[in-house]
Amino acid sequence: MDLELIDDDKRLNAAHTKLVEELVSFAGQQLELADNTEMAITIVSDEEINRINREYRQTDRVTDVISFAIEEGDEELVGFDDIPRNIGDLFIDPDQVARQAVDYEHSFERELGYTVVHGFLHLNGYDHIKPEDEAVMIPLQEKILTDYGLTR
């Protein structure tokens, strides 16, 4: 995985940055994505994620993660295996992640991991709106987190 992690305000410490980078790489391996698959994660404030949520989702509230998948289709470009596939962008609010960690009574690291993997799966076409889709996405999410070592 080729991850661009943007944290201009240094909202994550070095250990949390490393966790995000390693977890994205691990999740990419679990989904058997090409090594040159690209994505970006931008770390933002409550105010910024609220603005993004309001502007793009017409929902005026703070949330933990917003995903913007890039729809490139499933067709393969024969003979162009070296061209990276960009799956999209995540915006993550670590302040909201911290509040949820308290609410769910687990560590910040576990909640951050949950948020990263949840958004990552959305970028890869998984969803949880319909029960049949949720029955696929949520167990996969838990398997990735457990196999990585982030248990409840």
N, C-alpha and C. Protein backbone atom coordinates (compact mmCIF):
# COMPACT_ATOMS: atom_id res chain seq x y z
N MET A 1 0.84 -1.19 0.00
CA MET A 1 0.00 0.00 0.00
C MET A 1 0.87 1.24 0.00
N ASP A 2 0.46 2.18 -0.78
CA ASP A 2 1.12 3.48 -0.81
C ASP A 2 0.18 4.48 -0.13
N LEU A 3 0.48 4.78 1.12
CA LEU A 3 -0.38 5.65 1.93
C LEU A 3 0.25 7.02 2.06
N GLU A 4 -0.55 8.04 1.76
CA GLU A 4 -0.16 9.41 2.08
C GLU A 4 -0.94 9.80 3.33
N LEU A 5 -0.22 10.01 4.42
CA LEU A 5 -0.84 10.39 5.69
C LEU A 5 -0.56 11.87 5.92
N ILE A 6 -1.61 12.66 5.95
CA ILE A 6 -1.49 14.11 6.09
C ILE A 6 -1.98 14.50 7.47
N ASP A 7 -1.08 15.01 8.28
CA ASP A 7 -1.39 15.41 9.65
C ASP A 7 -0.65 16.73 9.94
N ASP A 8 -1.04 17.76 9.22
CA ASP A 8 -0.34 19.04 9.30
C ASP A 8 -0.28 19.62 10.71
N ASP A 9 -1.33 19.40 11.49
CA ASP A 9 -1.40 19.96 12.85
C ASP A 9 -0.83 19.01 13.90
N LYS A 10 -0.27 17.89 13.46
CA LYS A 10 0.35 16.90 14.37
C LYS A 10 -0.63 16.47 15.47
N ARG A 11 -1.82 16.06 15.04
CA ARG A 11 -2.84 15.60 15.99
C ARG A 11 -2.57 14.18 16.48
N LEU A 12 -1.79 13.42 15.70
CA LEU A 12 -1.41 12.07 16.12
C LEU A 12 0.04 12.09 16.55
N ASN A 13 0.35 11.31 17.59
CA ASN A 13 1.76 11.19 17.98
C ASN A 13 2.43 10.15 17.07
N ALA A 14 3.72 9.99 17.23
CA ALA A 14 4.49 9.09 16.36
C ALA A 14 4.00 7.65 16.44
N ALA A 15 3.65 7.19 17.62
CA ALA A 15 3.17 5.81 17.78
C ALA A 15 1.83 5.61 17.07
N HIS A 16 0.96 6.59 17.13
CA HIS A 16 -0.35 6.47 16.48
C HIS A 16 -0.20 6.58 14.96
N THR A 17 0.71 7.41 14.51
CA THR A 17 0.99 7.50 13.07
C THR A 17 1.49 6.16 12.56
N LYS A 18 2.40 5.56 13.29
CA LYS A 18 2.95 4.25 12.91
C LYS A 18 1.83 3.19 12.89
N LEU A 19 0.96 3.22 13.89
CA LEU A 19 -0.17 2.29 13.93
C LEU A 19 -1.03 2.41 12.68
N VAL A 20 -1.37 3.62 12.30
CA VAL A 20 -2.20 3.85 11.11
C VAL A 20 -1.50 3.30 9.88
N GLU A 21 -0.24 3.63 9.71
CA GLU A 21 0.52 3.18 8.54
C GLU A 21 0.60 1.65 8.49
N GLU A 22 0.92 1.04 9.60
CA GLU A 22 1.04 -0.43 9.63
C GLU A 22 -0.31 -1.11 9.42
N LEU A 23 -1.35 -0.56 9.99
CA LEU A 23 -2.67 -1.16 9.87
C LEU A 23 -3.20 -1.07 8.44
N VAL A 24 -2.98 0.05 7.77
CA VAL A 24 -3.38 0.17 6.37
C VAL A 24 -2.64 -0.85 5.51
N SER A 25 -1.34 -0.99 5.74
CA SER A 25 -0.55 -1.97 5.00
C SER A 25 -1.06 -3.38 5.26
N PHE A 26 -1.32 -3.70 6.53
CA PHE A 26 -1.82 -5.02 6.91
C PHE A 26 -3.18 -5.29 6.27
N ALA A 27 -4.08 -4.32 6.33
CA ALA A 27 -5.42 -4.49 5.75
C ALA A 27 -5.32 -4.67 4.24
N GLY A 28 -4.42 -3.94 3.60
CA GLY A 28 -4.22 -4.11 2.17
C GLY A 28 -3.75 -5.50 1.82
N GLN A 29 -2.87 -6.06 2.65
CA GLN A 29 -2.42 -7.44 2.44
C GLN A 29 -3.58 -8.42 2.63
N GLN A 30 -4.42 -8.17 3.62
CA GLN A 30 -5.56 -9.06 3.88
C GLN A 30 -6.52 -9.08 2.70
N LEU A 31 -6.67 -7.94 2.02
CA LEU A 31 -7.56 -7.86 0.86
C LEU A 31 -6.83 -8.20 -0.44
N GLU A 32 -5.53 -8.54 -0.31
CA GLU A 32 -4.69 -8.89 -1.45
C GLU A 32 -4.66 -7.79 -2.51
N LEU A 33 -4.53 -6.54 -2.04
CA LEU A 33 -4.41 -5.41 -2.95
C LEU A 33 -2.98 -5.35 -3.48
N ALA A 34 -2.83 -4.82 -4.65
CA ALA A 34 -1.50 -4.63 -5.23
C ALA A 34 -0.68 -3.70 -4.34
N ASP A 35 0.61 -3.94 -4.29
CA ASP A 35 1.51 -3.13 -3.46
C ASP A 35 1.47 -1.65 -3.81
N ASN A 36 1.18 -1.34 -5.07
CA ASN A 36 1.18 0.06 -5.49
C ASN A 36 -0.20 0.72 -5.40
N THR A 37 -1.13 0.08 -4.67
CA THR A 37 -2.44 0.68 -4.44
C THR A 37 -2.25 1.93 -3.59
N GLU A 38 -2.88 3.02 -3.98
CA GLU A 38 -2.72 4.30 -3.31
C GLU A 38 -3.98 4.73 -2.58
N MET A 39 -3.75 5.45 -1.47
CA MET A 39 -4.85 6.09 -0.76
C MET A 39 -4.26 7.20 0.10
N ALA A 40 -5.13 8.07 0.61
CA ALA A 40 -4.68 9.14 1.50
C ALA A 40 -5.56 9.18 2.72
N ILE A 41 -4.95 9.52 3.85
CA ILE A 41 -5.69 9.77 5.08
C ILE A 41 -5.28 11.16 5.56
N THR A 42 -6.27 12.01 5.78
CA THR A 42 -6.02 13.34 6.31
C THR A 42 -6.60 13.40 7.72
N ILE A 43 -5.77 13.82 8.67
CA ILE A 43 -6.18 13.95 10.06
C ILE A 43 -6.69 15.37 10.26
N VAL A 44 -7.92 15.48 10.78
CA VAL A 44 -8.57 16.80 10.86
C VAL A 44 -9.18 17.04 12.24
N SER A 45 -9.59 18.27 12.46
CA SER A 45 -10.23 18.69 13.71
C SER A 45 -11.73 18.42 13.67
N ASP A 46 -12.37 18.60 14.83
CA ASP A 46 -13.83 18.51 14.91
C ASP A 46 -14.48 19.47 13.92
N GLU A 47 -13.98 20.69 13.89
CA GLU A 47 -14.57 21.72 13.03
C GLU A 47 -14.46 21.34 11.56
N GLU A 48 -13.31 20.82 11.16
CA GLU A 48 -13.10 20.47 9.76
C GLU A 48 -13.94 19.27 9.35
N ILE A 49 -14.02 18.25 10.17
CA ILE A 49 -14.81 17.08 9.77
C ILE A 49 -16.30 17.43 9.77
N ASN A 50 -16.71 18.31 10.67
CA ASN A 50 -18.10 18.77 10.67
C ASN A 50 -18.40 19.51 9.36
N ARG A 51 -17.48 20.38 8.93
CA ARG A 51 -17.66 21.12 7.68
C ARG A 51 -17.75 20.16 6.50
N ILE A 52 -16.85 19.18 6.44
CA ILE A 52 -16.86 18.21 5.35
C ILE A 52 -18.16 17.41 5.36
N ASN A 53 -18.58 16.98 6.54
CA ASN A 53 -19.81 16.21 6.68
C ASN A 53 -21.02 17.02 6.22
N ARG A 54 -21.05 18.28 6.60
CA ARG A 54 -22.16 19.17 6.23
C ARG A 54 -22.16 19.42 4.72
N GLU A 55 -20.98 19.70 4.18
CA GLU A 55 -20.87 20.07 2.77
C GLU A 55 -21.11 18.91 1.82
N TYR A 56 -20.57 17.74 2.14
CA TYR A 56 -20.63 16.62 1.21
C TYR A 56 -21.68 15.58 1.55
N ARG A 57 -22.13 15.54 2.79
CA ARG A 57 -23.11 14.53 3.19
C ARG A 57 -24.40 15.14 3.72
N GLN A 58 -24.45 16.48 3.74
CA GLN A 58 -25.62 17.20 4.25
C GLN A 58 -26.01 16.76 5.65
N THR A 59 -24.99 16.46 6.46
CA THR A 59 -25.19 16.06 7.85
C THR A 59 -24.35 16.98 8.72
N ASP A 60 -25.01 17.80 9.53
CA ASP A 60 -24.33 18.83 10.31
C ASP A 60 -23.96 18.30 11.69
N ARG A 61 -22.90 17.46 11.72
CA ARG A 61 -22.40 16.93 12.99
C ARG A 61 -20.98 16.42 12.81
N VAL A 62 -20.31 16.29 13.92
CA VAL A 62 -18.96 15.72 13.95
C VAL A 62 -19.09 14.20 13.82
N THR A 63 -18.14 13.60 13.13
CA THR A 63 -18.09 12.15 12.99
C THR A 63 -16.63 11.71 13.06
N ASP A 64 -16.39 10.42 13.18
CA ASP A 64 -15.02 9.94 13.32
C ASP A 64 -14.28 9.83 11.99
N VAL A 65 -14.97 9.37 10.96
CA VAL A 65 -14.31 9.15 9.67
C VAL A 65 -15.30 9.42 8.53
N ILE A 66 -14.77 10.01 7.47
CA ILE A 66 -15.52 10.19 6.23
C ILE A 66 -14.66 9.62 5.12
N SER A 67 -15.27 8.83 4.27
CA SER A 67 -14.53 8.22 3.17
C SER A 67 -15.03 8.75 1.83
N PHE A 68 -14.08 8.95 0.94
CA PHE A 68 -14.37 9.35 -0.43
C PHE A 68 -13.68 8.35 -1.34
N ALA A 69 -14.45 7.36 -1.78
CA ALA A 69 -13.90 6.33 -2.66
C ALA A 69 -13.79 6.88 -4.08
N ILE A 70 -12.76 6.45 -4.76
CA ILE A 70 -12.59 6.81 -6.17
C ILE A 70 -13.08 5.63 -6.98
N GLU A 71 -14.11 5.88 -7.75
CA GLU A 71 -14.71 4.82 -8.56
C GLU A 71 -13.96 4.70 -9.87
N GLU A 72 -13.10 3.69 -9.95
CA GLU A 72 -12.36 3.47 -11.19
C GLU A 72 -12.89 2.27 -11.95
N GLY A 73 -13.88 1.60 -11.42
CA GLY A 73 -14.40 0.42 -12.08
C GLY A 73 -13.56 -0.80 -11.79
N ASP A 74 -14.09 -1.96 -12.16
CA ASP A 74 -13.40 -3.22 -11.90
C ASP A 74 -12.60 -3.71 -13.10
N GLU A 75 -12.70 -3.00 -14.21
CA GLU A 75 -11.99 -3.48 -15.39
C GLU A 75 -10.48 -3.39 -15.18
N GLU A 76 -9.80 -4.39 -15.69
CA GLU A 76 -8.34 -4.42 -15.58
C GLU A 76 -7.73 -3.86 -16.85
N LEU A 77 -6.65 -3.12 -16.69
CA LEU A 77 -5.93 -2.59 -17.84
C LEU A 77 -4.85 -3.59 -18.21
N VAL A 78 -5.10 -4.37 -19.23
CA VAL A 78 -4.16 -5.40 -19.65
C VAL A 78 -2.86 -4.75 -20.10
N GLY A 79 -1.75 -5.24 -19.54
CA GLY A 79 -0.45 -4.72 -19.91
C GLY A 79 -0.03 -3.48 -19.12
N PHE A 80 -0.86 -3.02 -18.19
CA PHE A 80 -0.54 -1.82 -17.41
C PHE A 80 -0.55 -2.12 -15.91
N ASP A 81 0.04 -3.25 -15.54
CA ASP A 81 0.05 -3.66 -14.14
C ASP A 81 0.81 -2.71 -13.23
N ASP A 82 1.70 -1.90 -13.81
CA ASP A 82 2.53 -1.02 -13.00
C ASP A 82 1.84 0.32 -12.69
N ILE A 83 0.65 0.55 -13.24
CA ILE A 83 -0.07 1.79 -12.96
C ILE A 83 -0.78 1.64 -11.62
N PRO A 84 -0.49 2.54 -10.66
CA PRO A 84 -1.14 2.44 -9.35
C PRO A 84 -2.65 2.65 -9.43
N ARG A 85 -3.35 2.01 -8.54
CA ARG A 85 -4.79 2.18 -8.41
C ARG A 85 -5.03 3.02 -7.16
N ASN A 86 -5.68 4.16 -7.31
CA ASN A 86 -5.99 5.03 -6.18
C ASN A 86 -7.41 4.70 -5.71
N ILE A 87 -7.53 4.25 -4.45
CA ILE A 87 -8.84 3.84 -3.95
C ILE A 87 -9.59 4.98 -3.28
N GLY A 88 -8.92 6.08 -2.95
CA GLY A 88 -9.63 7.23 -2.40
C GLY A 88 -8.99 7.83 -1.17
N ASP A 89 -9.81 8.59 -0.44
CA ASP A 89 -9.34 9.39 0.70
C ASP A 89 -10.21 9.17 1.92
N LEU A 90 -9.55 9.17 3.08
CA LEU A 90 -10.24 9.17 4.36
C LEU A 90 -9.91 10.46 5.09
N PHE A 91 -10.88 10.98 5.81
CA PHE A 91 -10.68 12.09 6.74
C PHE A 91 -11.04 11.55 8.11
N ILE A 92 -10.09 11.65 9.05
CA ILE A 92 -10.28 11.09 10.39
C ILE A 92 -10.10 12.18 11.43
N ASP A 93 -11.02 12.23 12.38
CA ASP A 93 -10.98 13.18 13.49
C ASP A 93 -10.56 12.45 14.76
N PRO A 94 -9.30 12.58 15.19
CA PRO A 94 -8.84 11.85 16.38
C PRO A 94 -9.51 12.29 17.68
N ASP A 95 -10.02 13.52 17.74
CA ASP A 95 -10.74 13.95 18.94
C ASP A 95 -12.04 13.17 19.09
N GLN A 96 -12.74 12.96 17.97
CA GLN A 96 -13.96 12.16 18.01
C GLN A 96 -13.63 10.70 18.29
N VAL A 97 -12.54 10.21 17.72
CA VAL A 97 -12.09 8.84 18.00
C VAL A 97 -11.84 8.67 19.49
N ALA A 98 -11.20 9.65 20.12
CA ALA A 98 -10.92 9.58 21.56
C ALA A 98 -12.21 9.55 22.37
N ARG A 99 -13.19 10.35 21.99
CA ARG A 99 -14.47 10.35 22.72
C ARG A 99 -15.17 9.00 22.58
N GLN A 100 -15.12 8.42 21.39
CA GLN A 100 -15.75 7.12 21.17
C GLN A 100 -15.03 6.03 21.94
N ALA A 101 -13.72 6.11 22.06
CA ALA A 101 -12.97 5.13 22.85
C ALA A 101 -13.46 5.12 24.29
N VAL A 102 -13.73 6.30 24.83
CA VAL A 102 -14.26 6.40 26.19
C VAL A 102 -15.67 5.81 26.24
N ASP A 103 -16.51 6.19 25.27
CA ASP A 103 -17.90 5.70 25.23
C ASP A 103 -17.96 4.17 25.13
N TYR A 104 -17.08 3.58 24.32
CA TYR A 104 -17.10 2.14 24.09
C TYR A 104 -16.20 1.38 25.06
N GLU A 105 -15.54 2.12 25.94
CA GLU A 105 -14.71 1.54 26.99
C GLU A 105 -13.58 0.67 26.46
N HIS A 106 -12.89 1.18 25.45
CA HIS A 106 -11.65 0.54 25.03
C HIS A 106 -10.62 1.60 24.70
N SER A 107 -9.44 1.15 24.36
CA SER A 107 -8.31 2.07 24.19
C SER A 107 -8.47 2.96 22.96
N PHE A 108 -7.76 4.08 23.01
CA PHE A 108 -7.71 4.96 21.84
C PHE A 108 -7.16 4.21 20.64
N GLU A 109 -6.15 3.38 20.86
CA GLU A 109 -5.53 2.63 19.77
C GLU A 109 -6.54 1.70 19.10
N ARG A 110 -7.34 1.01 19.90
CA ARG A 110 -8.35 0.11 19.34
C ARG A 110 -9.38 0.90 18.53
N GLU A 111 -9.82 2.03 19.06
CA GLU A 111 -10.83 2.83 18.34
C GLU A 111 -10.23 3.45 17.09
N LEU A 112 -8.99 3.90 17.16
CA LEU A 112 -8.33 4.44 15.97
C LEU A 112 -8.20 3.35 14.91
N GLY A 113 -7.80 2.16 15.33
CA GLY A 113 -7.69 1.05 14.39
C GLY A 113 -9.03 0.71 13.77
N TYR A 114 -10.07 0.67 14.59
CA TYR A 114 -11.42 0.39 14.10
C TYR A 114 -11.82 1.42 13.04
N THR A 115 -11.55 2.68 13.34
CA THR A 115 -11.93 3.77 12.44
C THR A 115 -11.17 3.66 11.12
N VAL A 116 -9.88 3.39 11.19
CA VAL A 116 -9.06 3.26 9.99
C VAL A 116 -9.54 2.10 9.13
N VAL A 117 -9.72 0.94 9.73
CA VAL A 117 -10.14 -0.24 8.97
C VAL A 117 -11.55 -0.05 8.41
N HIS A 118 -12.43 0.54 9.20
CA HIS A 118 -13.79 0.79 8.73
C HIS A 118 -13.78 1.66 7.47
N GLY A 119 -13.06 2.77 7.53
CA GLY A 119 -12.96 3.64 6.37
C GLY A 119 -12.27 2.96 5.20
N PHE A 120 -11.20 2.22 5.49
CA PHE A 120 -10.47 1.49 4.46
C PHE A 120 -11.39 0.53 3.72
N LEU A 121 -12.21 -0.19 4.44
CA LEU A 121 -13.13 -1.13 3.80
C LEU A 121 -14.15 -0.40 2.93
N HIS A 122 -14.63 0.77 3.38
CA HIS A 122 -15.52 1.56 2.53
C HIS A 122 -14.83 1.93 1.22
N LEU A 123 -13.56 2.32 1.28
CA LEU A 123 -12.82 2.68 0.07
C LEU A 123 -12.69 1.49 -0.88
N ASN A 124 -12.80 0.30 -0.34
CA ASN A 124 -12.68 -0.92 -1.14
C ASN A 124 -14.02 -1.53 -1.51
N GLY A 125 -15.08 -0.74 -1.38
CA GLY A 125 -16.40 -1.17 -1.86
C GLY A 125 -17.28 -1.85 -0.85
N TYR A 126 -16.85 -1.97 0.38
CA TYR A 126 -17.68 -2.61 1.41
C TYR A 126 -18.61 -1.57 2.03
N ASP A 127 -19.78 -2.05 2.47
CA ASP A 127 -20.75 -1.16 3.11
C ASP A 127 -21.52 -1.94 4.16
N HIS A 128 -22.29 -1.23 4.96
CA HIS A 128 -23.04 -1.87 6.04
C HIS A 128 -24.46 -1.33 6.15
N ILE A 129 -24.95 -0.70 5.10
CA ILE A 129 -26.31 -0.15 5.13
C ILE A 129 -27.34 -1.28 5.10
N LYS A 130 -27.19 -2.20 4.17
CA LYS A 130 -28.10 -3.34 4.08
C LYS A 130 -27.59 -4.46 4.98
N PRO A 131 -28.49 -5.19 5.63
CA PRO A 131 -28.08 -6.28 6.53
C PRO A 131 -27.15 -7.30 5.87
N GLU A 132 -27.40 -7.63 4.62
CA GLU A 132 -26.56 -8.62 3.95
C GLU A 132 -25.15 -8.09 3.69
N ASP A 133 -25.03 -6.78 3.47
CA ASP A 133 -23.70 -6.17 3.31
C ASP A 133 -22.99 -6.05 4.66
N GLU A 134 -23.74 -5.69 5.68
CA GLU A 134 -23.18 -5.60 7.03
C GLU A 134 -22.64 -6.96 7.49
N ALA A 135 -23.35 -8.03 7.10
CA ALA A 135 -22.94 -9.38 7.49
C ALA A 135 -21.60 -9.77 6.88
N VAL A 136 -21.17 -9.06 5.85
CA VAL A 136 -19.87 -9.30 5.24
C VAL A 136 -18.83 -8.34 5.80
N MET A 137 -19.17 -7.04 5.84
CA MET A 137 -18.19 -6.02 6.21
C MET A 137 -17.74 -6.10 7.67
N ILE A 138 -18.68 -6.18 8.59
CA ILE A 138 -18.33 -6.11 10.01
C ILE A 138 -17.47 -7.29 10.46
N PRO A 139 -17.81 -8.53 10.08
CA PRO A 139 -16.92 -9.64 10.44
C PRO A 139 -15.52 -9.51 9.82
N LEU A 140 -15.44 -9.01 8.58
CA LEU A 140 -14.15 -8.80 7.95
C LEU A 140 -13.35 -7.75 8.71
N GLN A 141 -14.01 -6.68 9.09
CA GLN A 141 -13.38 -5.63 9.87
C GLN A 141 -12.82 -6.18 11.18
N GLU A 142 -13.62 -6.96 11.89
CA GLU A 142 -13.18 -7.54 13.16
C GLU A 142 -12.04 -8.54 12.95
N LYS A 143 -12.09 -9.30 11.86
CA LYS A 143 -11.02 -10.26 11.57
C LYS A 143 -9.70 -9.53 11.34
N ILE A 144 -9.73 -8.46 10.56
CA ILE A 144 -8.52 -7.69 10.29
C ILE A 144 -7.95 -7.14 11.59
N LEU A 145 -8.81 -6.54 12.41
CA LEU A 145 -8.35 -5.96 13.68
C LEU A 145 -7.79 -7.03 14.61
N THR A 146 -8.47 -8.14 14.72
CA THR A 146 -8.03 -9.23 15.60
C THR A 146 -6.71 -9.83 15.11
N ASP A 147 -6.64 -10.10 13.80
CA ASP A 147 -5.42 -10.67 13.24
C ASP A 147 -4.23 -9.72 13.39
N TYR A 148 -4.50 -8.43 13.34
CA TYR A 148 -3.44 -7.44 13.55
C TYR A 148 -3.03 -7.37 15.01
N GLY A 149 -3.98 -7.69 15.91
CA GLY A 149 -3.69 -7.67 17.34
C GLY A 149 -4.40 -6.58 18.11
N LEU A 150 -5.37 -5.93 17.49
CA LEU A 150 -6.15 -4.89 18.16
C LEU A 150 -7.49 -5.48 18.60
N THR A 151 -7.48 -6.10 19.75
CA THR A 151 -8.71 -6.71 20.26
C THR A 151 -9.39 -5.75 21.25
N ARG A 152 -10.63 -6.06 21.54
CA ARG A 152 -11.39 -5.23 22.48
C ARG A 152 -10.86 -5.40 23.88
